[in-house]
C-alpha atoms as a PDB file:
ATOM      1  CA  MET A   1       0.017 -32.160  23.976  1.00  0.00           C
ATOM      2  CA  GLU A   2       0.757 -29.052  21.640  1.00  0.00           C
ATOM      3  CA  TRP A   3      -0.837 -28.399  18.847  1.00  0.00           C
ATOM      4  CA  SER A   4      -0.037 -31.310  16.438  1.00  0.00           C
ATOM      5  CA  CYS A   5      -0.164 -31.831  12.207  1.00  0.00           C
ATOM      6  CA  VAL A   6      -0.023 -35.673  11.486  1.00  0.00           C
ATOM      7  CA  ILE A   7       0.040 -36.421   7.491  1.00  0.00           C
ATOM      8  CA  LEU A   8      -0.845 -39.915   7.210  1.00  0.00           C
ATOM      9  CA  MET A   9       0.775 -41.117   3.759  1.00  0.00           C
ATOM     10  CA  GLY A  10      -0.101 -44.744   2.267  1.00  0.00           C
ATOM     11  CA  GLY A  11      -0.689 -46.088  -1.149  1.00  0.00           C
ATOM     12  CA  PRO A  12      -4.284 -46.854  -2.310  1.00  0.00           C
ATOM     13  CA  GLY A  13      -5.159 -50.628  -0.471  1.00  0.00           C
ATOM     14  CA  ALA A  14      -2.908 -49.833   2.193  1.00  0.00           C
ATOM     15  CA  GLY A  15      -5.648 -49.418   5.028  1.00  0.00           C
ATOM     16  CA  LYS A  16      -5.002 -45.528   5.353  1.00  0.00           C
ATOM     17  CA  GLY A  17      -8.938 -44.400   6.049  1.00  0.00           C
ATOM     18  CA  THR A  18      -9.497 -47.394   8.723  1.00  0.00           C
ATOM     19  CA  GLN A  19      -6.444 -46.434  10.439  1.00  0.00           C
ATOM     20  CA  ALA A  20      -7.254 -42.792   9.881  1.00  0.00           C
ATOM     21  CA  LYS A  21     -10.777 -42.977  11.781  1.00  0.00           C
ATOM     22  CA  ARG A  22      -8.933 -44.899  14.746  1.00  0.00           C
ATOM     23  CA  LEU A  23      -6.123 -42.744  14.924  1.00  0.00           C
ATOM     24  CA  GLU A  24      -8.952 -39.642  14.927  1.00  0.00           C
ATOM     25  CA  ALA A  25     -10.718 -41.245  17.932  1.00  0.00           C
ATOM     26  CA  ALA A  26      -7.647 -42.172  19.783  1.00  0.00           C
ATOM     27  CA  LEU A  27      -6.006 -39.060  19.143  1.00  0.00           C
ATOM     28  CA  ASP A  28      -9.337 -36.688  19.770  1.00  0.00           C
ATOM     29  CA  ILE A  29      -8.088 -34.404  16.623  1.00  0.00           C
ATOM     30  CA  PRO A  30     -10.198 -34.488  13.452  1.00  0.00           C
ATOM     31  CA  GLN A  31      -9.059 -36.504  10.381  1.00  0.00           C
ATOM     32  CA  ILE A  32      -9.268 -34.044   7.264  1.00  0.00           C
ATOM     33  CA  SER A  33      -9.625 -35.153   4.005  1.00  0.00           C
ATOM     34  CA  THR A  34      -9.241 -32.851   0.704  1.00  0.00           C
ATOM     35  CA  GLY A  35     -12.200 -34.958  -0.602  1.00  0.00           C
ATOM     36  CA  GLU A  36     -14.399 -34.136   2.275  1.00  0.00           C
ATOM     37  CA  ILE A  37     -13.389 -30.503   2.350  1.00  0.00           C
ATOM     38  CA  PHE A  38     -13.964 -30.120  -1.438  1.00  0.00           C
ATOM     39  CA  ARG A  39     -17.522 -31.975  -1.021  1.00  0.00           C
ATOM     40  CA  GLU A  40     -18.365 -29.545   1.721  1.00  0.00           C
ATOM     41  CA  ASN A  41     -17.730 -26.304  -0.093  1.00  0.00           C
ATOM     42  CA  LEU A  42     -19.189 -27.416  -3.410  1.00  0.00           C
ATOM     43  CA  LYS A  43     -22.299 -28.530  -1.582  1.00  0.00           C
ATOM     44  CA  GLN A  44     -22.771 -25.213   0.400  1.00  0.00           C
ATOM     45  CA  GLU A  45     -21.587 -23.301  -2.581  1.00  0.00           C
ATOM     46  CA  THR A  46     -18.843 -21.241  -0.538  1.00  0.00           C
ATOM     47  CA  GLU A  47     -16.914 -18.994  -2.197  1.00  0.00           C
ATOM     48  CA  LEU A  48     -14.191 -21.184  -2.585  1.00  0.00           C
ATOM     49  CA  GLY A  49     -16.428 -24.020  -3.611  1.00  0.00           C
ATOM     50  CA  GLN A  50     -17.778 -21.618  -6.602  1.00  0.00           C
ATOM     51  CA  LEU A  51     -14.213 -21.017  -7.891  1.00  0.00           C
ATOM     52  CA  ALA A  52     -13.295 -24.642  -7.410  1.00  0.00           C
ATOM     53  CA  ARG A  53     -16.275 -25.104  -9.531  1.00  0.00           C
ATOM     54  CA  THR A  54     -15.183 -22.909 -12.278  1.00  0.00           C
ATOM     55  CA  PHE A  55     -12.003 -25.207 -12.970  1.00  0.00           C
ATOM     56  CA  MET A  56     -13.879 -28.557 -12.633  1.00  0.00           C
ATOM     57  CA  ASP A  57     -16.568 -27.277 -15.213  1.00  0.00           C
ATOM     58  CA  ARG A  58     -13.709 -27.032 -17.500  1.00  0.00           C
ATOM     59  CA  GLY A  59     -12.020 -30.278 -16.838  1.00  0.00           C
ATOM     60  CA  GLU A  60      -9.319 -28.579 -15.344  1.00  0.00           C
ATOM     61  CA  LEU A  61      -7.447 -29.672 -11.738  1.00  0.00           C
ATOM     62  CA  VAL A  62      -8.368 -26.980  -9.103  1.00  0.00           C
ATOM     63  CA  PRO A  63      -5.312 -24.966  -8.247  1.00  0.00           C
ATOM     64  CA  ASP A  64      -3.396 -25.723  -5.037  1.00  0.00           C
ATOM     65  CA  GLU A  65      -4.133 -22.137  -3.817  1.00  0.00           C
ATOM     66  CA  VAL A  66      -7.786 -22.980  -4.205  1.00  0.00           C
ATOM     67  CA  THR A  67      -6.970 -26.118  -2.040  1.00  0.00           C
ATOM     68  CA  VAL A  68      -5.022 -24.871   0.586  1.00  0.00           C
ATOM     69  CA  ALA A  69      -7.220 -21.524   0.999  1.00  0.00           C
ATOM     70  CA  MET A  70     -10.027 -24.540   2.100  1.00  0.00           C
ATOM     71  CA  VAL A  71      -7.689 -26.413   4.142  1.00  0.00           C
ATOM     72  CA  LYS A  72      -6.699 -22.945   6.066  1.00  0.00           C
ATOM     73  CA  GLU A  73     -10.596 -22.302   6.502  1.00  0.00           C
ATOM     74  CA  ARG A  74     -10.837 -26.071   7.627  1.00  0.00           C
ATOM     75  CA  ILE A  75      -8.245 -25.756  10.239  1.00  0.00           C
ATOM     76  CA  SER A  76      -9.269 -22.481  11.572  1.00  0.00           C
ATOM     77  CA  ARG A  77     -12.389 -24.254  13.133  1.00  0.00           C
ATOM     78  CA  PRO A  78     -12.541 -25.024  16.949  1.00  0.00           C
ATOM     79  CA  ASP A  79     -12.704 -29.015  16.857  1.00  0.00           C
ATOM     80  CA  CYS A  80      -8.727 -28.303  15.312  1.00  0.00           C
ATOM     81  CA  ALA A  81      -7.761 -26.597  18.598  1.00  0.00           C
ATOM     82  CA  ARG A  82      -5.603 -29.694  19.559  1.00  0.00           C
ATOM     83  CA  GLY A  83      -4.432 -30.288  15.816  1.00  0.00           C
ATOM     84  CA  VAL A  84      -5.157 -31.954  13.145  1.00  0.00           C
ATOM     85  CA  LEU A  85      -4.730 -35.712  10.812  1.00  0.00           C
ATOM     86  CA  PHE A  86      -4.757 -34.806   7.528  1.00  0.00           C
ATOM     87  CA  ASP A  87      -5.632 -37.608   5.170  1.00  0.00           C
ATOM     88  CA  GLY A  88      -4.527 -37.769   1.362  1.00  0.00           C
ATOM     89  CA  PHE A  89      -2.955 -34.275   1.491  1.00  0.00           C
ATOM     90  CA  PRO A  90      -0.748 -33.192   0.687  1.00  0.00           C
ATOM     91  CA  ARG A  91      -0.237 -34.975  -2.441  1.00  0.00           C
ATOM     92  CA  THR A  92       2.862 -33.285  -3.999  1.00  0.00           C
ATOM     93  CA  VAL A  93       5.731 -31.628  -3.038  1.00  0.00           C
ATOM     94  CA  ALA A  94       4.248 -28.297  -3.991  1.00  0.00           C
ATOM     95  CA  GLN A  95       1.032 -28.871  -1.639  1.00  0.00           C
ATOM     96  CA  ALA A  96       3.454 -29.627   1.279  1.00  0.00           C
ATOM     97  CA  ALA A  97       5.397 -26.486   0.504  1.00  0.00           C
ATOM     98  CA  ALA A  98       2.351 -24.559   0.399  1.00  0.00           C
ATOM     99  CA  LEU A  99       1.166 -26.134   3.684  1.00  0.00           C
ATOM    100  CA  ASP A 100       4.464 -25.040   5.371  1.00  0.00           C
ATOM    101  CA  GLU A 101       3.626 -21.547   5.100  1.00  0.00           C
ATOM    102  CA  LEU A 102       0.139 -21.851   6.217  1.00  0.00           C
ATOM    103  CA  LEU A 103       1.189 -23.758   9.506  1.00  0.00           C
ATOM    104  CA  ALA A 104       4.542 -21.429   9.755  1.00  0.00           C
ATOM    105  CA  ALA A 105       1.904 -18.268   9.473  1.00  0.00           C
ATOM    106  CA  MET A 106       0.193 -20.364  12.424  1.00  0.00           C
ATOM    107  CA  GLY A 107       3.638 -20.574  14.513  1.00  0.00           C
ATOM    108  CA  THR A 108       3.662 -24.448  14.052  1.00  0.00           C
ATOM    109  CA  GLU A 109       4.975 -26.959  11.508  1.00  0.00           C
ATOM    110  CA  VAL A 110       4.509 -30.364  10.708  1.00  0.00           C
ATOM    111  CA  THR A 111       4.772 -32.823  13.598  1.00  0.00           C
ATOM    112  CA  ILE A 112       4.954 -36.478  11.931  1.00  0.00           C
ATOM    113  CA  VAL A 113       4.443 -38.043   8.525  1.00  0.00           C
ATOM    114  CA  PRO A 114       3.758 -41.816   9.307  1.00  0.00           C
ATOM    115  CA  TYR A 115       3.839 -44.132   5.996  1.00  0.00           C
ATOM    116  CA  ILE A 116       1.866 -47.436   6.044  1.00  0.00           C
ATOM    117  CA  HIS A 117       3.959 -49.132   3.201  1.00  0.00           C
ATOM    118  CA  VAL A 118       2.687 -51.913   1.630  1.00  0.00           C
ATOM    119  CA  ASP A 119       4.321 -53.844  -1.465  1.00  0.00           C
ATOM    120  CA  GLN A 120       2.827 -52.627  -4.528  1.00  0.00           C
ATOM    121  CA  ASP A 121       1.966 -56.572  -5.470  1.00  0.00           C
ATOM    122  CA  VAL A 122       0.049 -56.571  -2.177  1.00  0.00           C
ATOM    123  CA  LEU A 123      -1.874 -53.368  -2.977  1.00  0.00           C
ATOM    124  CA  LEU A 124      -2.809 -54.927  -6.500  1.00  0.00           C
ATOM    125  CA  GLN A 125      -4.500 -58.076  -4.603  1.00  0.00           C
ATOM    126  CA  ARG A 126      -6.185 -56.341  -1.918  1.00  0.00           C
ATOM    127  CA  LEU A 127      -7.792 -53.772  -4.507  1.00  0.00           C
ATOM    128  CA  SER A 128      -8.583 -56.267  -7.201  1.00  0.00           C
ATOM    129  CA  GLY A 129     -10.414 -58.994  -5.174  1.00  0.00           C
ATOM    130  CA  ARG A 130     -13.349 -56.560  -4.420  1.00  0.00           C
ATOM    131  CA  ARG A 131     -16.423 -58.391  -5.381  1.00  0.00           C
ATOM    132  CA  THR A 132     -20.096 -56.431  -5.119  1.00  0.00           C
ATOM    133  CA  CYS A 133     -23.616 -57.953  -5.576  1.00  0.00           C
ATOM    134  CA  ARG A 134     -25.560 -56.986  -8.573  1.00  0.00           C
ATOM    135  CA  GLN A 135     -28.904 -57.112  -6.450  1.00  0.00           C
ATOM    136  CA  CYS A 136     -28.186 -55.784  -2.672  1.00  0.00           C
ATOM    137  CA  GLY A 137     -24.833 -53.923  -3.140  1.00  0.00           C
ATOM    138  CA  ARG A 138     -22.878 -55.884  -0.216  1.00  0.00           C
ATOM    139  CA  MET A 139     -19.357 -56.049  -0.960  1.00  0.00           C
ATOM    140  CA  TYR A 140     -16.930 -59.207  -0.593  1.00  0.00           C
ATOM    141  CA  HIS A 141     -13.220 -59.719  -1.319  1.00  0.00           C
ATOM    142  CA  ILE A 142     -12.401 -63.317  -2.574  1.00  0.00           C
ATOM    143  CA  LEU A 143      -9.186 -63.526  -0.397  1.00  0.00           C
ATOM    144  CA  PHE A 144     -10.039 -61.465   3.136  1.00  0.00           C
ATOM    145  CA  ASN A 145     -13.734 -61.989   2.716  1.00  0.00           C
ATOM    146  CA  PRO A 146     -15.434 -64.331   0.386  1.00  0.00           C
ATOM    147  CA  PRO A 147     -18.588 -65.423  -0.224  1.00  0.00           C
ATOM    148  CA  GLN A 148     -19.816 -69.021   1.340  1.00  0.00           C
ATOM    149  CA  VAL A 149     -20.370 -69.768  -2.171  1.00  0.00           C
ATOM    150  CA  GLU A 150     -18.368 -68.318  -4.753  1.00  0.00           C
ATOM    151  CA  GLY A 151     -19.882 -66.021  -6.489  1.00  0.00           C
ATOM    152  CA  VAL A 152     -23.178 -65.819  -4.914  1.00  0.00           C
ATOM    153  CA  CYS A 153     -24.038 -63.130  -2.424  1.00  0.00           C
ATOM    154  CA  ASP A 154     -24.816 -64.874   1.219  1.00  0.00           C
ATOM    155  CA  VAL A 155     -27.127 -62.415   2.004  1.00  0.00           C
ATOM    156  CA  CYS A 156     -29.746 -62.547  -1.080  1.00  0.00           C
ATOM    157  CA  GLY A 157     -28.081 -64.961  -3.371  1.00  0.00           C
ATOM    158  CA  GLY A 158     -27.383 -62.306  -5.966  1.00  0.00           C
ATOM    159  CA  GLU A 159     -24.495 -62.840  -8.496  1.00  0.00           C
ATOM    160  CA  LEU A 160     -21.430 -61.051  -7.690  1.00  0.00           C
ATOM    161  CA  TYR A 161     -19.239 -59.316 -10.307  1.00  0.00           C
ATOM    162  CA  GLN A 162     -16.123 -57.172 -10.332  1.00  0.00           C
ATOM    163  CA  ARG A 163     -16.734 -53.699 -11.048  1.00  0.00           C
ATOM    164  CA  ALA A 164     -14.873 -51.911 -13.669  1.00  0.00           C
ATOM    165  CA  ASP A 165     -12.823 -49.500 -11.295  1.00  0.00           C
ATOM    166  CA  ASP A 166     -11.991 -52.673  -9.651  1.00  0.00           C
ATOM    167  CA  ALA A 167     -10.328 -54.369 -12.343  1.00  0.00           C
ATOM    168  CA  GLU A 168      -7.039 -55.243 -11.876  1.00  0.00           C
ATOM    169  CA  GLU A 169      -5.711 -52.943 -14.645  1.00  0.00           C
ATOM    170  CA  THR A 170      -7.270 -50.249 -13.410  1.00  0.00           C
ATOM    171  CA  GLN A 171      -6.156 -50.505  -9.996  1.00  0.00           C
ATOM    172  CA  GLN A 172      -2.711 -51.100 -11.344  1.00  0.00           C
ATOM    173  CA  ARG A 173      -2.822 -47.571 -13.535  1.00  0.00           C
ATOM    174  CA  ARG A 174      -4.119 -46.083  -9.929  1.00  0.00           C
ATOM    175  CA  ILE A 175      -1.269 -47.361  -7.765  1.00  0.00           C
ATOM    176  CA  ALA A 176       1.570 -46.471 -10.323  1.00  0.00           C
ATOM    177  CA  VAL A 177      -0.279 -42.789 -10.310  1.00  0.00           C
ATOM    178  CA  TYR A 178      -0.353 -42.852  -6.409  1.00  0.00           C
ATOM    179  CA  PHE A 179       3.539 -43.687  -6.762  1.00  0.00           C
ATOM    180  CA  GLU A 180       4.163 -41.380  -9.675  1.00  0.00           C
ATOM    181  CA  GLN A 181       2.726 -38.743  -7.663  1.00  0.00           C
ATOM    182  CA  THR A 182       3.906 -39.079  -4.019  1.00  0.00           C
ATOM    183  CA  ALA A 183       7.366 -40.860  -4.160  1.00  0.00           C
ATOM    184  CA  PRO A 184       8.829 -37.557  -4.498  1.00  0.00           C
ATOM    185  CA  LEU A 185       6.906 -36.213  -1.407  1.00  0.00           C
ATOM    186  CA  ILE A 186       7.818 -39.230   0.829  1.00  0.00           C
ATOM    187  CA  GLU A 187      11.417 -38.838  -0.137  1.00  0.00           C
ATOM    188  CA  THR A 188      10.959 -34.788   1.268  1.00  0.00           C
ATOM    189  CA  TYR A 189       9.366 -36.007   4.196  1.00  0.00           C
ATOM    190  CA  ARG A 190      12.421 -38.571   4.606  1.00  0.00           C
ATOM    191  CA  GLU A 191      14.956 -36.208   4.217  1.00  0.00           C
ATOM    192  CA  ARG A 192      13.154 -33.816   6.747  1.00  0.00           C
ATOM    193  CA  GLY A 193      13.056 -36.504   9.466  1.00  0.00           C
ATOM    194  CA  LEU A 194       9.690 -36.700   9.585  1.00  0.00           C
ATOM    195  CA  LEU A 195       9.007 -39.463   7.993  1.00  0.00           C
ATOM    196  CA  VAL A 196       7.901 -42.694   9.808  1.00  0.00           C
ATOM    197  CA  GLU A 197       7.479 -46.292   8.039  1.00  0.00           C
ATOM    198  CA  ILE A 198       4.822 -48.660   9.436  1.00  0.00           C
ATOM    199  CA  ASP A 199       4.636 -52.173   8.153  1.00  0.00           C
ATOM    200  CA  GLY A 200       1.194 -52.278   6.709  1.00  0.00           C
ATOM    201  CA  GLU A 201       1.072 -56.117   5.868  1.00  0.00           C
ATOM    202  CA  GLN A 202       0.723 -56.532   9.863  1.00  0.00           C
ATOM    203  CA  SER A 203      -2.757 -57.098  11.070  1.00  0.00           C
ATOM    204  CA  ILE A 204      -5.227 -54.053  11.726  1.00  0.00           C
ATOM    205  CA  ASP A 205      -4.862 -54.181  14.926  1.00  0.00           C
ATOM    206  CA  ALA A 206      -1.253 -54.542  14.702  1.00  0.00           C
ATOM    207  CA  VAL A 207      -0.532 -51.372  12.162  1.00  0.00           C
ATOM    208  CA  PHE A 208      -3.021 -49.127  14.518  1.00  0.00           C
ATOM    209  CA  GLN A 209      -0.685 -49.700  17.577  1.00  0.00           C
ATOM    210  CA  ASP A 210       2.489 -49.253  15.775  1.00  0.00           C
ATOM    211  CA  LEU A 211       1.211 -46.216  14.102  1.00  0.00           C
ATOM    212  CA  LEU A 212      -0.117 -44.793  17.555  1.00  0.00           C
ATOM    213  CA  ALA A 213       2.997 -45.047  19.073  1.00  0.00           C
ATOM    214  CA  ALA A 214       4.848 -43.295  16.951  1.00  0.00           C
ATOM    215  CA  VAL A 215       2.197 -40.604  16.762  1.00  0.00           C
ATOM    216  CA  GLN A 216       2.473 -40.502  20.651  1.00  0.00           C
ATOM    217  CA  LYS A 217       6.372 -40.608  20.572  1.00  0.00           C
ATOM    218  CA  ALA A 218       6.238 -37.456  18.079  1.00  0.00           C
ATOM    219  CA  VAL A 219       3.695 -35.210  19.978  1.00  0.00           C
END
């Protein structure tokens, strides 16, 4: 397999994180999320981390060039010798253009962009159905992983509640922001013939098999 750049896309609640971990193991290339890169740079107080913090402390968005510089450093490490699996990056057309420049300088390009497609109504159902135990923190889902007794934790008998960030209104906003931000990016990759849509409303195993088949065909 030549060096591969896989960009996994999907709305919040599409199961992207779960599938990224499985793909990482199957393809033997690291899953890279900008959230993890940021946390690492901030924790280690690298030069880029300190630069990012100056923007964050002012309540400003970290500029794309800082994010891309962190990505550049990350993919230069030995564990990326066979390729990378991006999870949650790029998020915008501008970030995608910056990534293209970075890859071109390395003599390579984006290999494939699998997009786990799930209807927005289903995403909302998945995200707003979560419940958390006030006592032990165990998580449930009213549809997919319900407690034996409604509103009561199976483990400690504690009260189950819906966290504010799991509320339907909050999640609706989160989903809307994602699609507003990434819709142009999805279309850009579609026009370039890189986007492969995967039906994300199948079982987790079926989604994974479709993802793996699409990526293996591309690489």
